[in-house]
Protein backbone atom coordinates (compact mmCIF):
# COMPACT_ATOMS: atom_id res chain seq x y z
CA MET A 1 -16.33 10.48 27.60
CA ILE A 2 -14.97 11.19 24.17
CA SER A 3 -17.53 12.34 21.69
CA GLY A 4 -17.86 10.68 18.27
CA VAL A 5 -16.55 13.80 16.43
CA THR A 6 -13.42 13.93 18.56
CA ARG A 7 -12.76 10.22 18.04
CA LYS A 8 -13.14 10.69 14.22
CA ARG A 9 -10.77 13.62 14.27
CA PHE A 10 -8.21 11.55 16.22
CA TRP A 11 -8.32 8.66 13.80
CA LEU A 12 -8.21 10.99 10.77
CA ALA A 13 -5.16 12.77 12.16
CA ALA A 14 -3.56 9.37 13.04
CA ILE A 15 -4.10 8.03 9.55
CA ILE A 16 -2.78 11.24 7.88
CA GLY A 17 0.23 11.33 10.20
CA LEU A 18 1.14 7.66 9.67
CA THR A 19 0.68 8.04 5.91
CA ILE A 20 3.08 11.02 5.85
CA LEU A 21 5.57 9.12 8.00
CA PHE A 22 5.34 6.08 5.67
CA LEU A 23 5.87 8.18 2.57
CA THR A 24 8.77 9.99 4.17
CA LEU A 25 10.53 6.73 5.15
CA LYS A 26 9.80 5.30 1.71
CA GLN A 27 11.62 8.15 -0.02
CA ALA A 28 14.45 8.45 2.55
CA ASP A 29 17.94 7.13 1.87
CA LEU A 30 18.38 5.48 5.25
CA LYS A 31 21.82 4.10 4.47
CA ARG A 32 23.16 7.53 3.70
CA LEU A 33 21.44 8.95 6.76
CA GLY A 34 23.17 6.34 8.94
CA GLU A 35 26.53 7.27 7.45
CA SER A 36 25.87 10.97 8.03
CA ILE A 37 24.90 10.36 11.65
CA ALA A 38 28.14 8.48 12.21
CA GLU A 39 30.06 11.59 11.07
CA ILE A 40 28.42 14.01 13.56
CA ASN A 41 30.82 15.66 15.96
CA LEU A 42 29.87 14.44 19.43
CA ILE A 43 30.19 17.88 21.06
CA TRP A 44 27.94 19.51 18.43
CA GLY A 45 25.47 16.64 18.72
CA ALA A 46 25.27 16.95 22.49
CA VAL A 47 24.83 20.79 22.19
CA ALA A 48 22.01 20.30 19.69
CA VAL A 49 20.21 17.86 22.01
CA LEU A 50 20.65 20.14 24.99
CA ALA A 51 19.36 23.15 22.99
CA SER A 52 16.31 21.13 22.01
CA ALA A 53 15.61 20.16 25.60
CA LEU A 54 16.03 23.76 26.73
CA SER A 55 13.63 24.88 24.02
CA TYR A 56 10.97 22.51 25.29
CA LEU A 57 11.51 23.75 28.86
CA CYS A 58 11.15 27.37 27.77
CA ILE A 59 7.95 26.61 25.82
CA ALA A 60 6.56 24.76 28.88
CA GLY A 61 7.49 27.75 31.07
CA VAL A 62 5.65 30.20 28.80
CA LEU A 63 2.63 27.96 28.65
CA TYR A 64 2.66 27.60 32.46
CA HIS A 65 2.66 31.36 32.95
CA LEU A 66 -0.01 31.96 30.30
CA LEU A 67 -2.34 29.35 31.77
CA ARG A 68 -1.72 30.72 35.29
CA GLY A 69 -2.43 34.24 34.05
CA MET A 70 -5.76 32.98 32.61
CA GLY A 71 -6.71 31.45 35.95
CA HIS A 72 -5.92 27.83 35.17
CA ALA A 73 -3.71 26.47 37.97
CA LEU A 74 -1.74 23.64 36.40
CA SER A 75 1.55 22.42 37.73
CA PHE A 76 4.69 22.98 35.63
CA SER A 77 4.97 19.19 34.98
CA SER A 78 1.42 19.21 33.57
CA SER A 79 2.27 22.19 31.37
CA PHE A 80 5.42 20.34 30.17
CA LYS A 81 3.43 17.27 29.29
CA ILE A 82 1.10 19.39 27.15
């Protein structure tokens, strides 16, 4: 069961995160962003997405080995979800 302190921290973090997201979107020039995205070279865009995915896989691999070294036997998929 989730304690009251943990629940309060969650809601505080959620409110702060949504406030930052709202303020960012309020100040963003979304029309210009859409135009800039349309100009992206497809090859470079695909490479950037693949590099991002590979980065997450590497971080999950490091976490998996660190947890295993500490005696916590989690599967790689669980480490990736973390």
